[in-house]
């Protein structure tokens, strides 16, 4: 299977990263924690974090029993959401270079999405319970 390496950085450039993805797919998380973290749904690309430079600037917030969130201590940019169990990374797609080849195809915690916004894209939609069930099987 082909992989794509996507490079990106925080707003101030203190932290740079490379994410290896299977395909240029964007998913949205509507959970209350993601919405509180960023003021709206978290739009991410998911994959393997290959490289992280500027680690001395990375701050980690232990956001739940199963995950943690990284952000730049210099500019505050959100860098990643990481599962503690297997190191799975979700990186805000806006950090990654290039806007042309992304496809928005998935939404999670759809039952938590507030009524004040709606995406027109046709996507796969999972509840929080379905998300936990999928990750429990991997």
N, C-alpha and C. Protein backbone atom coordinates (compact mmCIF):
# COMPACT_ATOMS: atom_id res chain seq x y z
N UNK A 1 0.84 -1.17 0.00
CA UNK A 1 0.00 0.00 0.00
C UNK A 1 0.89 1.24 0.00
N UNK A 2 0.54 2.21 -0.80
CA UNK A 2 1.28 3.48 -0.86
C UNK A 2 1.02 4.29 0.39
N UNK A 3 2.01 5.04 0.79
CA UNK A 3 1.88 5.95 1.91
C UNK A 3 2.28 7.34 1.46
N UNK A 4 1.78 8.31 2.17
CA UNK A 4 2.12 9.70 1.90
C UNK A 4 2.73 10.29 3.16
N UNK A 5 3.82 11.00 3.02
CA UNK A 5 4.42 11.70 4.14
C UNK A 5 4.04 13.17 4.02
N UNK A 6 3.38 13.68 5.05
CA UNK A 6 2.94 15.07 5.07
C UNK A 6 3.74 15.81 6.13
N UNK A 7 4.27 16.94 5.74
CA UNK A 7 5.09 17.75 6.63
C UNK A 7 4.29 18.97 7.08
N UNK A 8 4.61 19.44 8.28
CA UNK A 8 3.93 20.61 8.78
C UNK A 8 4.66 21.22 9.96
N UNK A 9 4.11 22.30 10.45
CA UNK A 9 4.71 23.00 11.59
C UNK A 9 3.64 23.76 12.35
N UNK A 10 4.02 24.17 13.55
CA UNK A 10 3.14 25.02 14.34
C UNK A 10 3.18 26.43 13.76
N UNK A 11 2.40 27.31 14.31
CA UNK A 11 2.29 28.68 13.82
C UNK A 11 3.62 29.43 13.87
N UNK A 12 4.39 29.25 14.93
CA UNK A 12 5.65 29.99 15.06
C UNK A 12 6.85 29.27 14.45
N UNK A 13 6.68 28.00 14.06
CA UNK A 13 7.77 27.24 13.44
C UNK A 13 8.71 26.58 14.43
N UNK A 14 8.45 26.68 15.72
CA UNK A 14 9.31 26.05 16.72
C UNK A 14 9.22 24.52 16.68
N UNK A 15 8.08 23.99 16.26
CA UNK A 15 7.88 22.55 16.18
C UNK A 15 7.54 22.18 14.74
N UNK A 16 8.25 21.19 14.22
CA UNK A 16 7.99 20.66 12.88
C UNK A 16 7.69 19.18 13.02
N UNK A 17 6.86 18.66 12.11
CA UNK A 17 6.53 17.25 12.19
C UNK A 17 6.33 16.66 10.80
N UNK A 18 6.44 15.34 10.76
CA UNK A 18 6.13 14.58 9.55
C UNK A 18 5.18 13.47 9.96
N UNK A 19 4.05 13.39 9.26
CA UNK A 19 3.03 12.39 9.52
C UNK A 19 2.92 11.49 8.29
N UNK A 20 3.02 10.19 8.51
CA UNK A 20 2.81 9.23 7.41
C UNK A 20 1.36 8.78 7.44
N UNK A 21 0.69 8.99 6.31
CA UNK A 21 -0.72 8.64 6.21
C UNK A 21 -0.93 7.63 5.08
N UNK A 22 -1.98 6.85 5.19
CA UNK A 22 -2.31 5.88 4.15
C UNK A 22 -2.98 6.56 2.96
N UNK A 23 -3.77 7.59 3.24
CA UNK A 23 -4.44 8.34 2.20
C UNK A 23 -4.75 9.73 2.73
N UNK A 24 -4.92 10.71 1.87
CA UNK A 24 -5.16 12.10 2.32
C UNK A 24 -6.61 12.31 2.77
N UNK A 25 -6.91 11.75 3.92
CA UNK A 25 -8.26 11.74 4.46
C UNK A 25 -8.35 12.66 5.67
N UNK A 26 -9.43 13.41 5.75
CA UNK A 26 -9.68 14.30 6.89
C UNK A 26 -10.91 13.81 7.63
N UNK A 27 -10.80 13.76 8.95
CA UNK A 27 -11.97 13.44 9.76
C UNK A 27 -12.20 14.54 10.80
N UNK A 28 -13.44 14.64 11.22
CA UNK A 28 -13.84 15.65 12.20
C UNK A 28 -14.28 14.95 13.47
N UNK A 29 -13.84 15.49 14.62
CA UNK A 29 -14.32 15.00 15.90
C UNK A 29 -15.18 16.08 16.53
N UNK A 30 -16.38 15.68 16.94
CA UNK A 30 -17.34 16.61 17.51
C UNK A 30 -17.47 16.48 19.03
N UNK A 31 -16.59 15.70 19.67
CA UNK A 31 -16.73 15.51 21.12
C UNK A 31 -16.54 16.84 21.85
N UNK A 32 -17.08 16.92 23.04
CA UNK A 32 -17.03 18.17 23.81
C UNK A 32 -15.59 18.59 24.11
N UNK A 33 -14.70 17.63 24.34
CA UNK A 33 -13.31 17.96 24.65
C UNK A 33 -12.62 18.59 23.44
N UNK A 34 -12.79 18.03 22.26
CA UNK A 34 -12.19 18.61 21.05
C UNK A 34 -12.76 20.00 20.78
N UNK A 35 -14.07 20.15 20.95
CA UNK A 35 -14.68 21.46 20.71
C UNK A 35 -14.19 22.49 21.72
N UNK A 36 -13.99 22.09 22.96
CA UNK A 36 -13.47 23.01 23.96
C UNK A 36 -12.02 23.35 23.65
N UNK A 37 -11.24 22.36 23.19
CA UNK A 37 -9.82 22.56 22.89
C UNK A 37 -9.61 23.57 21.78
N UNK A 38 -10.43 23.51 20.74
CA UNK A 38 -10.20 24.36 19.58
C UNK A 38 -11.32 25.32 19.23
N UNK A 39 -12.40 25.31 19.99
CA UNK A 39 -13.49 26.22 19.70
C UNK A 39 -14.44 25.73 18.63
N UNK A 40 -14.25 24.53 18.15
CA UNK A 40 -15.09 23.94 17.12
C UNK A 40 -14.65 22.51 16.90
N UNK A 41 -15.17 21.83 15.90
CA UNK A 41 -14.76 20.44 15.67
C UNK A 41 -13.27 20.37 15.32
N UNK A 42 -12.63 19.30 15.74
CA UNK A 42 -11.22 19.08 15.42
C UNK A 42 -11.13 18.36 14.08
N UNK A 43 -10.50 18.98 13.09
CA UNK A 43 -10.33 18.40 11.76
C UNK A 43 -8.91 17.86 11.66
N UNK A 44 -8.78 16.54 11.48
CA UNK A 44 -7.47 15.89 11.56
C UNK A 44 -7.19 14.95 10.41
N UNK A 45 -5.88 14.71 10.23
CA UNK A 45 -5.37 13.60 9.43
C UNK A 45 -4.79 12.61 10.44
N UNK A 46 -4.96 11.33 10.17
CA UNK A 46 -4.52 10.31 11.11
C UNK A 46 -3.42 9.47 10.50
N UNK A 47 -2.43 9.12 11.33
CA UNK A 47 -1.34 8.30 10.83
C UNK A 47 -0.25 8.09 11.84
N UNK A 48 0.94 7.79 11.32
CA UNK A 48 2.11 7.52 12.14
C UNK A 48 2.99 8.77 12.18
N UNK A 49 3.29 9.24 13.37
CA UNK A 49 4.17 10.40 13.50
C UNK A 49 5.60 9.92 13.29
N UNK A 50 6.20 10.28 12.15
CA UNK A 50 7.54 9.83 11.80
C UNK A 50 8.62 10.70 12.42
N UNK A 51 8.36 11.99 12.48
CA UNK A 51 9.39 12.92 12.93
C UNK A 51 8.73 14.06 13.69
N UNK A 52 9.41 14.47 14.75
CA UNK A 52 8.97 15.62 15.54
C UNK A 52 10.23 16.37 15.96
N UNK A 53 10.41 17.58 15.45
CA UNK A 53 11.55 18.39 15.86
C UNK A 53 11.06 19.57 16.67
N UNK A 54 11.92 20.04 17.56
CA UNK A 54 11.51 21.11 18.47
C UNK A 54 10.76 20.55 19.67
N UNK A 55 11.06 19.29 20.03
CA UNK A 55 10.33 18.62 21.12
C UNK A 55 10.39 19.38 22.43
N UNK A 56 11.44 20.17 22.63
CA UNK A 56 11.54 20.94 23.88
C UNK A 56 10.42 21.96 24.00
N UNK A 57 9.75 22.26 22.90
CA UNK A 57 8.64 23.22 22.90
C UNK A 57 7.28 22.55 23.02
N UNK A 58 7.25 21.22 22.96
CA UNK A 58 5.99 20.49 23.00
C UNK A 58 5.53 20.30 24.44
N UNK A 59 4.32 20.73 24.70
CA UNK A 59 3.68 20.51 26.00
C UNK A 59 2.59 19.46 25.82
N UNK A 60 2.43 18.60 26.81
CA UNK A 60 1.45 17.52 26.74
C UNK A 60 0.39 17.74 27.80
N UNK A 61 -0.86 17.61 27.39
CA UNK A 61 -1.99 17.65 28.33
C UNK A 61 -2.61 16.26 28.36
N UNK A 62 -2.67 15.67 29.53
CA UNK A 62 -3.29 14.36 29.74
C UNK A 62 -4.80 14.56 29.76
N UNK A 63 -5.45 14.45 28.59
CA UNK A 63 -6.84 14.89 28.46
C UNK A 63 -7.88 13.84 28.84
N UNK A 64 -7.48 12.57 28.97
CA UNK A 64 -8.42 11.53 29.36
C UNK A 64 -7.62 10.30 29.79
N UNK A 65 -8.32 9.27 30.20
CA UNK A 65 -7.65 8.02 30.58
C UNK A 65 -6.97 7.36 29.39
N UNK A 66 -7.44 7.66 28.17
CA UNK A 66 -6.96 6.96 26.99
C UNK A 66 -6.15 7.84 26.02
N UNK A 67 -6.13 9.16 26.22
CA UNK A 67 -5.47 10.02 25.23
C UNK A 67 -4.81 11.23 25.86
N UNK A 68 -3.89 11.81 25.08
CA UNK A 68 -3.24 13.05 25.47
C UNK A 68 -3.15 13.95 24.25
N UNK A 69 -3.00 15.24 24.53
CA UNK A 69 -2.96 16.24 23.47
C UNK A 69 -1.67 17.02 23.58
N UNK A 70 -1.03 17.24 22.43
CA UNK A 70 0.21 18.00 22.41
C UNK A 70 -0.02 19.36 21.78
N UNK A 71 0.67 20.37 22.33
CA UNK A 71 0.58 21.71 21.77
C UNK A 71 1.93 22.39 21.90
N UNK A 72 2.16 23.40 21.09
CA UNK A 72 3.40 24.16 21.13
C UNK A 72 3.36 25.11 22.33
N UNK A 73 4.36 25.02 23.18
CA UNK A 73 4.44 25.90 24.34
C UNK A 73 4.81 27.33 24.00
N UNK A 74 5.26 27.58 22.75
CA UNK A 74 5.62 28.92 22.32
C UNK A 74 4.42 29.69 21.76
N UNK A 75 3.72 29.06 20.82
CA UNK A 75 2.62 29.77 20.15
C UNK A 75 1.24 29.20 20.47
N UNK A 76 1.19 28.03 21.12
CA UNK A 76 -0.09 27.44 21.50
C UNK A 76 -0.76 26.59 20.44
N UNK A 77 -0.13 26.44 19.26
CA UNK A 77 -0.74 25.63 18.19
C UNK A 77 -1.00 24.21 18.67
N UNK A 78 -2.15 23.69 18.31
CA UNK A 78 -2.46 22.29 18.60
C UNK A 78 -1.64 21.43 17.66
N UNK A 79 -0.90 20.46 18.20
CA UNK A 79 -0.01 19.63 17.39
C UNK A 79 -0.56 18.23 17.13
N UNK A 80 -1.14 17.61 18.14
CA UNK A 80 -1.65 16.25 17.95
C UNK A 80 -2.55 15.83 19.09
N UNK A 81 -3.35 14.83 18.77
CA UNK A 81 -4.13 14.04 19.72
C UNK A 81 -3.52 12.65 19.60
N UNK A 82 -3.13 12.04 20.73
CA UNK A 82 -2.43 10.75 20.69
C UNK A 82 -3.08 9.78 21.66
N UNK A 83 -3.39 8.56 21.16
CA UNK A 83 -3.90 7.50 22.03
C UNK A 83 -2.75 6.94 22.85
N UNK A 84 -2.97 6.76 24.12
CA UNK A 84 -1.93 6.24 25.01
C UNK A 84 -1.64 4.76 24.74
N UNK A 85 -2.65 4.01 24.33
CA UNK A 85 -2.51 2.56 24.19
C UNK A 85 -1.61 2.14 23.03
N UNK A 86 -1.67 2.87 21.92
CA UNK A 86 -0.91 2.41 20.75
C UNK A 86 -0.18 3.53 20.02
N UNK A 87 -0.19 4.74 20.55
CA UNK A 87 0.53 5.84 19.93
C UNK A 87 -0.11 6.39 18.66
N UNK A 88 -1.34 5.99 18.37
CA UNK A 88 -2.06 6.50 17.20
C UNK A 88 -2.13 8.03 17.29
N UNK A 89 -1.78 8.71 16.20
CA UNK A 89 -1.77 10.18 16.19
C UNK A 89 -2.82 10.73 15.23
N UNK A 90 -3.47 11.78 15.67
CA UNK A 90 -4.36 12.58 14.84
C UNK A 90 -3.80 14.00 14.89
N UNK A 91 -3.44 14.53 13.73
CA UNK A 91 -2.81 15.84 13.63
C UNK A 91 -3.76 16.81 12.95
N UNK A 92 -3.97 17.99 13.53
CA UNK A 92 -4.83 18.97 12.86
C UNK A 92 -4.38 19.20 11.42
N UNK A 93 -5.26 19.00 10.49
CA UNK A 93 -4.90 19.04 9.07
C UNK A 93 -4.38 20.41 8.66
N UNK A 94 -4.78 21.46 9.35
CA UNK A 94 -4.31 22.80 9.04
C UNK A 94 -2.83 23.01 9.30
N UNK A 95 -2.21 22.16 10.11
CA UNK A 95 -0.76 22.25 10.35
C UNK A 95 0.04 21.73 9.17
N UNK A 96 -0.58 20.86 8.38
CA UNK A 96 0.14 20.15 7.33
C UNK A 96 0.17 20.95 6.04
N UNK A 97 1.29 20.91 5.36
CA UNK A 97 1.48 21.66 4.12
C UNK A 97 0.62 21.09 2.99
N UNK A 98 0.07 21.95 2.17
CA UNK A 98 -0.69 21.55 0.99
C UNK A 98 -2.15 21.32 1.30
N UNK A 99 -3.00 21.96 0.54
CA UNK A 99 -4.45 21.85 0.75
C UNK A 99 -5.16 21.10 -0.38
N UNK A 100 -4.46 20.74 -1.42
CA UNK A 100 -5.10 20.27 -2.65
C UNK A 100 -5.68 18.87 -2.61
N UNK A 101 -5.02 17.93 -1.97
CA UNK A 101 -5.42 16.53 -2.15
C UNK A 101 -6.22 15.93 -1.01
N UNK A 102 -6.64 16.72 -0.05
CA UNK A 102 -7.39 16.19 1.09
C UNK A 102 -8.84 15.90 0.73
N UNK A 103 -9.40 14.86 1.35
CA UNK A 103 -10.81 14.55 1.18
C UNK A 103 -11.44 14.36 2.56
N UNK A 104 -12.46 15.15 2.86
CA UNK A 104 -13.18 15.06 4.12
C UNK A 104 -14.13 13.88 4.02
N UNK A 105 -13.90 12.83 4.82
CA UNK A 105 -14.70 11.63 4.64
C UNK A 105 -15.22 10.96 5.91
N UNK A 106 -14.96 11.55 7.08
CA UNK A 106 -15.37 10.87 8.30
C UNK A 106 -15.66 11.87 9.42
N UNK A 107 -16.68 11.54 10.24
CA UNK A 107 -17.01 12.34 11.41
C UNK A 107 -17.24 11.39 12.58
N UNK A 108 -16.66 11.74 13.74
CA UNK A 108 -16.85 10.90 14.92
C UNK A 108 -17.48 11.71 16.05
N UNK A 109 -18.02 10.98 17.02
CA UNK A 109 -18.79 11.56 18.11
C UNK A 109 -19.91 12.43 17.53
N UNK A 110 -20.55 11.88 16.51
CA UNK A 110 -21.59 12.61 15.79
C UNK A 110 -22.77 12.95 16.72
N UNK A 111 -22.98 12.13 17.74
CA UNK A 111 -24.07 12.41 18.67
C UNK A 111 -23.79 13.63 19.55
N UNK A 112 -22.53 14.08 19.59
CA UNK A 112 -22.15 15.25 20.39
C UNK A 112 -22.13 16.54 19.58
N UNK A 113 -22.34 16.44 18.27
CA UNK A 113 -22.30 17.62 17.41
C UNK A 113 -23.45 18.56 17.77
N UNK A 114 -23.13 19.82 18.08
CA UNK A 114 -24.20 20.76 18.38
C UNK A 114 -24.97 21.14 17.12
N UNK A 115 -26.15 21.66 17.30
CA UNK A 115 -27.03 21.99 16.17
C UNK A 115 -26.58 23.25 15.42
N UNK A 116 -25.67 24.04 15.96
CA UNK A 116 -25.34 25.33 15.34
C UNK A 116 -24.39 25.24 14.16
N UNK A 117 -23.90 24.05 13.80
CA UNK A 117 -23.14 23.92 12.55
C UNK A 117 -23.45 22.58 11.91
N UNK A 118 -23.19 22.50 10.60
CA UNK A 118 -23.45 21.29 9.84
C UNK A 118 -22.56 21.27 8.61
N UNK A 119 -21.91 20.14 8.37
CA UNK A 119 -21.09 19.98 7.16
C UNK A 119 -21.96 19.42 6.04
N UNK A 120 -21.77 19.92 4.84
CA UNK A 120 -22.54 19.46 3.69
C UNK A 120 -21.97 18.17 3.09
N UNK A 121 -20.70 17.87 3.36
CA UNK A 121 -20.05 16.69 2.79
C UNK A 121 -20.74 15.41 3.24
N UNK A 122 -20.82 14.45 2.32
CA UNK A 122 -21.30 13.12 2.67
C UNK A 122 -20.12 12.36 3.26
N UNK A 123 -20.23 11.97 4.54
CA UNK A 123 -19.12 11.30 5.23
C UNK A 123 -19.63 10.09 5.99
N UNK A 124 -18.70 9.26 6.41
CA UNK A 124 -18.99 8.19 7.35
C UNK A 124 -19.20 8.86 8.70
N UNK A 125 -20.24 8.47 9.44
CA UNK A 125 -20.53 9.08 10.73
C UNK A 125 -20.58 8.00 11.80
N UNK A 126 -19.77 8.18 12.86
CA UNK A 126 -19.71 7.23 13.96
C UNK A 126 -20.04 7.91 15.27
N UNK A 127 -20.74 7.19 16.14
CA UNK A 127 -20.97 7.68 17.50
C UNK A 127 -19.70 7.41 18.31
N UNK A 128 -19.64 7.99 19.49
CA UNK A 128 -18.51 7.73 20.38
C UNK A 128 -18.39 6.26 20.72
N UNK A 129 -19.51 5.61 20.97
CA UNK A 129 -19.51 4.18 21.29
C UNK A 129 -18.93 3.37 20.13
N UNK A 130 -19.28 3.71 18.90
CA UNK A 130 -18.74 3.00 17.74
C UNK A 130 -17.24 3.23 17.58
N UNK A 131 -16.77 4.43 17.87
CA UNK A 131 -15.34 4.74 17.79
C UNK A 131 -14.56 3.88 18.79
N UNK A 132 -15.04 3.85 20.05
CA UNK A 132 -14.36 3.05 21.07
C UNK A 132 -14.35 1.57 20.70
N UNK A 133 -15.44 1.09 20.12
CA UNK A 133 -15.50 -0.31 19.69
C UNK A 133 -14.48 -0.59 18.58
N UNK A 134 -14.32 0.33 17.64
CA UNK A 134 -13.34 0.14 16.55
C UNK A 134 -11.91 0.10 17.10
N UNK A 135 -11.57 1.01 18.01
CA UNK A 135 -10.22 1.04 18.54
C UNK A 135 -9.95 -0.12 19.49
N UNK A 136 -10.97 -0.65 20.13
CA UNK A 136 -10.79 -1.80 21.01
C UNK A 136 -10.40 -3.03 20.20
N UNK A 137 -10.85 -3.08 18.95
CA UNK A 137 -10.54 -4.21 18.08
C UNK A 137 -9.19 -4.12 17.41
N UNK A 138 -8.52 -2.97 17.48
CA UNK A 138 -7.22 -2.84 16.79
C UNK A 138 -6.05 -2.99 17.71
